C-alpha atoms as a PDB file:
ATOM      1  CA  MET A   1      11.313  -1.844  -8.413  1.00  0.00           C
ATOM      2  CA  LEU A   2      10.793  -5.585  -8.565  1.00  0.00           C
ATOM      3  CA  GLN A   3       7.849  -7.254 -10.271  1.00  0.00           C
ATOM      4  CA  ILE A   4       5.390  -8.996  -7.929  1.00  0.00           C
ATOM      5  CA  LEU A   5       4.064 -12.475  -8.751  1.00  0.00           C
ATOM      6  CA  LEU A   6       1.342 -14.136  -6.691  1.00  0.00           C
ATOM      7  CA  ALA A   7       1.147 -17.891  -6.167  1.00  0.00           C
ATOM      8  CA  SER A   8      -2.290 -19.496  -6.348  1.00  0.00           C
ATOM      9  CA  ALA A   9      -2.506 -19.783  -2.535  1.00  0.00           C
ATOM     10  CA  SER A  10      -1.854 -16.055  -2.204  1.00  0.00           C
ATOM     11  CA  LYS A  11      -4.489 -15.172  -4.809  1.00  0.00           C
ATOM     12  CA  LYS A  12      -7.004 -17.409  -3.044  1.00  0.00           C
ATOM     13  CA  PHE A  13      -6.306 -15.731   0.308  1.00  0.00           C
ATOM     14  CA  LEU A  14      -6.684 -12.232  -1.145  1.00  0.00           C
ATOM     15  CA  LYS A  15     -10.032 -13.126  -2.753  1.00  0.00           C
ATOM     16  CA  LYS A  16     -11.436 -14.358   0.558  1.00  0.00           C
ATOM     17  CA  CYS A  17     -10.088 -11.788   3.030  1.00  0.00           C
ATOM     18  CA  GLU A  18     -11.875  -8.697   4.331  1.00  0.00           C
ATOM     19  CA  LYS A  19     -11.417  -5.328   2.621  1.00  0.00           C
ATOM     20  CA  GLU A  20      -9.404  -3.755   5.477  1.00  0.00           C
ATOM     21  CA  LEU A  21      -6.969  -6.682   5.632  1.00  0.00           C
ATOM     22  CA  TYR A  22      -6.762  -6.753   1.818  1.00  0.00           C
ATOM     23  CA  ASP A  23      -5.750  -3.087   1.756  1.00  0.00           C
ATOM     24  CA  ARG A  24      -3.088  -3.604   4.441  1.00  0.00           C
ATOM     25  CA  VAL A  25      -1.627  -6.666   2.699  1.00  0.00           C
ATOM     26  CA  ILE A  26      -1.563  -5.014  -0.746  1.00  0.00           C
ATOM     27  CA  ASN A  27       0.114  -1.935   0.747  1.00  0.00           C
ATOM     28  CA  ARG A  28       2.769  -4.131   2.367  1.00  0.00           C
ATOM     29  CA  ILE A  29       3.346  -6.068  -0.876  1.00  0.00           C
ATOM     30  CA  SER A  30       3.816  -2.825  -2.815  1.00  0.00           C
ATOM     31  CA  GLU A  31       6.400  -1.736  -0.221  1.00  0.00           C
ATOM     32  CA  LEU A  32       8.226  -5.034  -0.828  1.00  0.00           C
ATOM     33  CA  SER A  33       8.539  -4.267  -4.538  1.00  0.00           C
ATOM     34  CA  ALA A  34      10.567  -1.168  -3.653  1.00  0.00           C
ATOM     35  CA  ASN A  35      12.523  -2.755  -0.784  1.00  0.00           C
ATOM     36  CA  PRO A  36      12.437  -6.587  -0.725  1.00  0.00           C
ATOM     37  CA  PHE A  37      14.437  -6.773   2.514  1.00  0.00           C
ATOM     38  CA  PRO A  38      12.875  -4.330   5.007  1.00  0.00           C
ATOM     39  CA  PRO A  39      14.312  -4.223   8.552  1.00  0.00           C
ATOM     40  CA  ASP A  40      11.500  -6.408   9.937  1.00  0.00           C
ATOM     41  CA  CYS A  41      11.805  -9.248   7.387  1.00  0.00           C
ATOM     42  CA  LYS A  42      13.045 -12.606   8.606  1.00  0.00           C
ATOM     43  CA  MET A  43      14.191 -15.718   6.833  1.00  0.00           C
ATOM     44  CA  VAL A  44      11.954 -18.768   7.286  1.00  0.00           C
ATOM     45  CA  LEU A  45      14.018 -21.672   8.593  1.00  0.00           C
ATOM     46  CA  GLY A  46      13.610 -25.269   7.468  1.00  0.00           C
ATOM     47  CA  ARG A  47      12.974 -24.531   3.793  1.00  0.00           C
ATOM     48  CA  SER A  48      15.112 -25.621   0.848  1.00  0.00           C
ATOM     49  CA  GLU A  49      14.881 -22.236  -0.883  1.00  0.00           C
ATOM     50  CA  LYS A  50      15.422 -18.835   0.746  1.00  0.00           C
ATOM     51  CA  VAL A  51      11.938 -17.855   1.891  1.00  0.00           C
ATOM     52  CA  PHE A  52      11.462 -14.581   3.742  1.00  0.00           C
ATOM     53  CA  ARG A  53       8.488 -13.352   5.710  1.00  0.00           C
ATOM     54  CA  VAL A  54       7.063 -10.055   6.899  1.00  0.00           C
ATOM     55  CA  ARG A  55       4.256  -9.420   9.355  1.00  0.00           C
ATOM     56  CA  VAL A  56       0.947  -7.707   8.762  1.00  0.00           C
ATOM     57  CA  GLY A  57      -0.681  -7.889  12.184  1.00  0.00           C
ATOM     58  CA  ASP A  58      -1.447 -11.560  12.923  1.00  0.00           C
ATOM     59  CA  TYR A  59      -0.764 -12.506   9.298  1.00  0.00           C
ATOM     60  CA  ARG A  60       2.455 -13.473   7.562  1.00  0.00           C
ATOM     61  CA  ILE A  61       3.453 -12.813   3.965  1.00  0.00           C
ATOM     62  CA  GLN A  62       6.008 -15.373   2.794  1.00  0.00           C
ATOM     63  CA  TYR A  63       7.980 -14.592  -0.332  1.00  0.00           C
ATOM     64  CA  ILE A  64      10.977 -15.580  -2.436  1.00  0.00           C
ATOM     65  CA  VAL A  65      13.196 -12.984  -4.122  1.00  0.00           C
ATOM     66  CA  PHE A  66      14.606 -13.745  -7.565  1.00  0.00           C
ATOM     67  CA  SER A  67      17.231 -11.000  -7.951  1.00  0.00           C
ATOM     68  CA  ASP A  68      18.387 -12.172 -11.377  1.00  0.00           C
ATOM     69  CA  LYS A  69      14.845 -11.944 -12.826  1.00  0.00           C
ATOM     70  CA  LYS A  70      13.931  -8.883 -10.701  1.00  0.00           C
ATOM     71  CA  GLU A  71      10.853 -10.665  -9.350  1.00  0.00           C
ATOM     72  CA  ILE A  72       9.286 -11.418  -5.988  1.00  0.00           C
ATOM     73  CA  LEU A  73       7.041 -14.480  -5.682  1.00  0.00           C
ATOM     74  CA  ILE A  74       4.499 -14.141  -2.882  1.00  0.00           C
ATOM     75  CA  SER A  75       4.246 -17.820  -2.028  1.00  0.00           C
ATOM     76  CA  ASP A  76       1.823 -17.693   0.906  1.00  0.00           C
ATOM     77  CA  ILE A  77      -0.255 -15.314   3.017  1.00  0.00           C
ATOM     78  CA  ASP A  78      -1.892 -16.724   6.118  1.00  0.00           C
ATOM     79  CA  LYS A  79      -2.351 -16.410   9.864  1.00  0.00           C
ATOM     80  CA  ARG A  80       0.717 -17.162  11.904  1.00  0.00           C
ATOM     81  CA  SER A  81      -0.754 -20.373  13.325  1.00  0.00           C
ATOM     82  CA  ARG A  82      -1.181 -21.818   9.803  1.00  0.00           C
ATOM     83  CA  ALA A  83       1.567 -20.026   7.877  1.00  0.00           C
ATOM     84  CA  TYR A  84       4.472 -22.359   8.587  1.00  0.00           C
ATOM     85  CA  LYS A  85       2.745 -25.709   8.051  1.00  0.00           C
ATOM     86  CA  GLU A  86       3.543 -27.526   4.815  1.00  0.00           C
END
């Protein structure tokens, strides 16, 4: 199991979202701690570090895996239309 760390943008999203979406996102994040590379994860192109993403409906969870520290940083959670803008 890997430790989950949330970036400030992710914490802000989780505070504002609806209860149903919150439950779905938290469930998906807990699954990532057991398996950081599920079959439906994809690598986000155009980034300097290796950022991966998984879907939760219309939302995307973007994360970075630090294998040496056994940590996953959830860098961003947002709707698809806004998720890839920097």
